[in-house]
């Protein structure tokens, strides 16, 4: 393997977190990433990070949504959850529409190709 192909598997001991999972068993799943030191103790010099997760059902199956929740504590994370998921869903819809438009354009362009003998 060349140097560029090697993967760095060294653990960043200055950026360790313990994960707590919180759910309402309906819609919301919130991960609280609690900063810890290399010995596993809480690291009060860093603030926890929160991530929200949910999924929406589509005709093609479940579609996962996830976003960072701008919050300092669990209460703020729960309050931020609905808006963060709505924003993530809007962004995903925008991306899907863009992909559909690109596919339609490609199909129109492909239809213009004239193949001799047909």
C-alpha atoms as a PDB file:
ATOM      1  CA  UNK A   1       0.000   0.000   0.000  1.00  0.00           C
ATOM      2  CA  UNK A   2       1.178   3.493  -0.753  1.00  0.00           C
ATOM      3  CA  UNK A   3       1.198   6.164   1.901  1.00  0.00           C
ATOM      4  CA  UNK A   4      -1.914   7.795   0.369  1.00  0.00           C
ATOM      5  CA  UNK A   5      -3.873   4.518   0.480  1.00  0.00           C
ATOM      6  CA  UNK A   6      -3.235   3.875   4.180  1.00  0.00           C
ATOM      7  CA  UNK A   7      -6.012   4.542   6.651  1.00  0.00           C
ATOM      8  CA  UNK A   8      -5.232   6.260   9.935  1.00  0.00           C
ATOM      9  CA  UNK A   9      -6.790   4.090  12.670  1.00  0.00           C
ATOM     10  CA  UNK A  10      -5.288   6.066  15.559  1.00  0.00           C
ATOM     11  CA  UNK A  11      -7.892   7.090  18.144  1.00  0.00           C
ATOM     12  CA  UNK A  12      -8.002  10.844  18.807  1.00  0.00           C
ATOM     13  CA  UNK A  13      -7.815  10.701  22.612  1.00  0.00           C
ATOM     14  CA  UNK A  14      -8.499  14.460  22.818  1.00  0.00           C
ATOM     15  CA  UNK A  15     -11.890  14.090  21.121  1.00  0.00           C
ATOM     16  CA  UNK A  16     -13.651  11.246  22.955  1.00  0.00           C
ATOM     17  CA  UNK A  17     -17.391  11.077  23.668  1.00  0.00           C
ATOM     18  CA  UNK A  18     -19.790   8.775  25.472  1.00  0.00           C
ATOM     19  CA  UNK A  19     -23.155   8.414  23.776  1.00  0.00           C
ATOM     20  CA  UNK A  20     -26.550   8.523  25.487  1.00  0.00           C
ATOM     21  CA  UNK A  21     -29.642   7.642  23.463  1.00  0.00           C
ATOM     22  CA  UNK A  22     -32.945   9.297  24.343  1.00  0.00           C
ATOM     23  CA  UNK A  23     -36.212   8.436  22.596  1.00  0.00           C
ATOM     24  CA  UNK A  24     -39.937   8.974  22.957  1.00  0.00           C
ATOM     25  CA  UNK A  25     -40.542   5.615  21.167  1.00  0.00           C
ATOM     26  CA  UNK A  26     -42.667   7.492  18.603  1.00  0.00           C
ATOM     27  CA  UNK A  27     -40.853  10.095  16.524  1.00  0.00           C
ATOM     28  CA  UNK A  28     -37.813  11.462  18.269  1.00  0.00           C
ATOM     29  CA  UNK A  29     -34.444   9.913  18.825  1.00  0.00           C
ATOM     30  CA  UNK A  30     -31.800  12.179  20.313  1.00  0.00           C
ATOM     31  CA  UNK A  31     -28.170  11.250  20.788  1.00  0.00           C
ATOM     32  CA  UNK A  32     -26.325  13.158  23.480  1.00  0.00           C
ATOM     33  CA  UNK A  33     -22.582  13.000  22.930  1.00  0.00           C
ATOM     34  CA  UNK A  34     -20.951  13.600  26.317  1.00  0.00           C
ATOM     35  CA  UNK A  35     -17.296  14.648  26.180  1.00  0.00           C
ATOM     36  CA  UNK A  36     -14.981  12.401  28.174  1.00  0.00           C
ATOM     37  CA  UNK A  37     -11.284  12.186  28.883  1.00  0.00           C
ATOM     38  CA  UNK A  38      -9.089   9.251  27.876  1.00  0.00           C
ATOM     39  CA  UNK A  39      -9.719   7.633  31.280  1.00  0.00           C
ATOM     40  CA  UNK A  40     -13.505   7.676  30.695  1.00  0.00           C
ATOM     41  CA  UNK A  41     -14.367  10.502  33.082  1.00  0.00           C
ATOM     42  CA  UNK A  42     -16.609  13.394  32.034  1.00  0.00           C
ATOM     43  CA  UNK A  43     -14.684  16.300  30.499  1.00  0.00           C
ATOM     44  CA  UNK A  44     -16.296  19.487  31.883  1.00  0.00           C
ATOM     45  CA  UNK A  45     -14.102  21.696  29.670  1.00  0.00           C
ATOM     46  CA  UNK A  46     -16.202  20.706  26.616  1.00  0.00           C
ATOM     47  CA  UNK A  47     -19.960  20.903  26.089  1.00  0.00           C
ATOM     48  CA  UNK A  48     -22.162  17.982  25.048  1.00  0.00           C
ATOM     49  CA  UNK A  49     -23.288  17.755  21.435  1.00  0.00           C
ATOM     50  CA  UNK A  50     -26.792  16.672  20.427  1.00  0.00           C
ATOM     51  CA  UNK A  51     -28.012  14.952  17.259  1.00  0.00           C
ATOM     52  CA  UNK A  52     -31.620  14.320  16.313  1.00  0.00           C
ATOM     53  CA  UNK A  53     -32.764  11.307  14.311  1.00  0.00           C
ATOM     54  CA  UNK A  54     -36.117  10.262  12.907  1.00  0.00           C
ATOM     55  CA  UNK A  55     -37.499   8.639   9.800  1.00  0.00           C
ATOM     56  CA  UNK A  56     -40.401   9.383   7.522  1.00  0.00           C
ATOM     57  CA  UNK A  57     -42.266   6.691   5.637  1.00  0.00           C
ATOM     58  CA  UNK A  58     -42.369   7.019   1.855  1.00  0.00           C
ATOM     59  CA  UNK A  59     -43.791   4.726  -0.842  1.00  0.00           C
ATOM     60  CA  UNK A  60     -40.177   3.594  -1.429  1.00  0.00           C
ATOM     61  CA  UNK A  61     -39.668   2.793   2.258  1.00  0.00           C
ATOM     62  CA  UNK A  62     -38.413   4.613   5.367  1.00  0.00           C
ATOM     63  CA  UNK A  63     -36.275   7.683   4.788  1.00  0.00           C
ATOM     64  CA  UNK A  64     -33.897   8.540   7.651  1.00  0.00           C
ATOM     65  CA  UNK A  65     -33.420  12.154   8.710  1.00  0.00           C
ATOM     66  CA  UNK A  66     -30.702  13.355  11.034  1.00  0.00           C
ATOM     67  CA  UNK A  67     -29.366  16.741  12.039  1.00  0.00           C
ATOM     68  CA  UNK A  68     -27.257  18.358  14.691  1.00  0.00           C
ATOM     69  CA  UNK A  69     -29.357  20.037  17.341  1.00  0.00           C
ATOM     70  CA  UNK A  70     -28.053  23.397  18.426  1.00  0.00           C
ATOM     71  CA  UNK A  71     -28.565  22.942  22.157  1.00  0.00           C
ATOM     72  CA  UNK A  72     -26.700  23.134  25.442  1.00  0.00           C
ATOM     73  CA  UNK A  73     -28.853  20.625  27.317  1.00  0.00           C
ATOM     74  CA  UNK A  74     -31.495  17.962  26.741  1.00  0.00           C
ATOM     75  CA  UNK A  75     -34.432  20.347  27.211  1.00  0.00           C
ATOM     76  CA  UNK A  76     -33.074  22.662  24.514  1.00  0.00           C
ATOM     77  CA  UNK A  77     -32.389  19.660  22.277  1.00  0.00           C
ATOM     78  CA  UNK A  78     -36.002  18.480  22.561  1.00  0.00           C
ATOM     79  CA  UNK A  79     -37.210  21.990  21.756  1.00  0.00           C
ATOM     80  CA  UNK A  80     -34.859  22.238  18.748  1.00  0.00           C
ATOM     81  CA  UNK A  81     -35.781  18.793  17.398  1.00  0.00           C
ATOM     82  CA  UNK A  82     -38.952  19.644  15.386  1.00  0.00           C
ATOM     83  CA  UNK A  83     -37.449  22.604  13.541  1.00  0.00           C
ATOM     84  CA  UNK A  84     -34.187  20.766  12.832  1.00  0.00           C
ATOM     85  CA  UNK A  85     -36.075  17.797  11.340  1.00  0.00           C
ATOM     86  CA  UNK A  86     -38.291  20.109   9.253  1.00  0.00           C
ATOM     87  CA  UNK A  87     -35.218  21.896   7.907  1.00  0.00           C
ATOM     88  CA  UNK A  88     -33.482  18.599   7.144  1.00  0.00           C
ATOM     89  CA  UNK A  89     -36.578  17.290   5.377  1.00  0.00           C
ATOM     90  CA  UNK A  90     -36.856  20.502   3.301  1.00  0.00           C
ATOM     91  CA  UNK A  91     -33.191  20.174   2.332  1.00  0.00           C
ATOM     92  CA  UNK A  92     -33.674  16.531   1.371  1.00  0.00           C
ATOM     93  CA  UNK A  93     -36.754  17.368  -0.751  1.00  0.00           C
ATOM     94  CA  UNK A  94     -34.737  20.090  -2.485  1.00  0.00           C
ATOM     95  CA  UNK A  95     -31.932  17.610  -3.247  1.00  0.00           C
ATOM     96  CA  UNK A  96     -34.384  14.985  -4.537  1.00  0.00           C
ATOM     97  CA  UNK A  97     -36.043  17.530  -6.835  1.00  0.00           C
ATOM     98  CA  UNK A  98     -32.662  18.626  -8.155  1.00  0.00           C
ATOM     99  CA  UNK A  99     -31.713  15.004  -8.865  1.00  0.00           C
ATOM    100  CA  UNK A 100     -35.063  14.444 -10.623  1.00  0.00           C
ATOM    101  CA  UNK A 101     -34.542  17.536 -12.777  1.00  0.00           C
ATOM    102  CA  UNK A 102     -31.038  16.387 -13.702  1.00  0.00           C
ATOM    103  CA  UNK A 103     -32.358  12.929 -14.624  1.00  0.00           C
ATOM    104  CA  UNK A 104     -35.122  14.443 -16.751  1.00  0.00           C
ATOM    105  CA  UNK A 105     -32.599  16.683 -18.510  1.00  0.00           C
ATOM    106  CA  UNK A 106     -30.358  13.687 -19.164  1.00  0.00           C
ATOM    107  CA  UNK A 107     -33.282  11.725 -20.597  1.00  0.00           C
ATOM    108  CA  UNK A 108     -34.199  14.654 -22.888  1.00  0.00           C
ATOM    109  CA  UNK A 109     -30.584  14.966 -24.019  1.00  0.00           C
ATOM    110  CA  UNK A 110     -30.348  11.202 -24.628  1.00  0.00           C
ATOM    111  CA  UNK A 111     -33.550  11.320 -26.708  1.00  0.00           C
ATOM    112  CA  UNK A 112     -31.839  13.740 -29.112  1.00  0.00           C
ATOM    113  CA  UNK A 113     -29.130  11.250 -30.039  1.00  0.00           C
ATOM    114  CA  UNK A 114     -29.597  10.038 -33.584  1.00  0.00           C
ATOM    115  CA  UNK A 115     -28.419   6.503 -34.119  1.00  0.00           C
ATOM    116  CA  UNK A 116     -27.675   5.647 -37.797  1.00  0.00           C
ATOM    117  CA  UNK A 117     -29.713   2.774 -39.185  1.00  0.00           C
ATOM    118  CA  UNK A 118     -32.722   3.228 -36.895  1.00  0.00           C
END
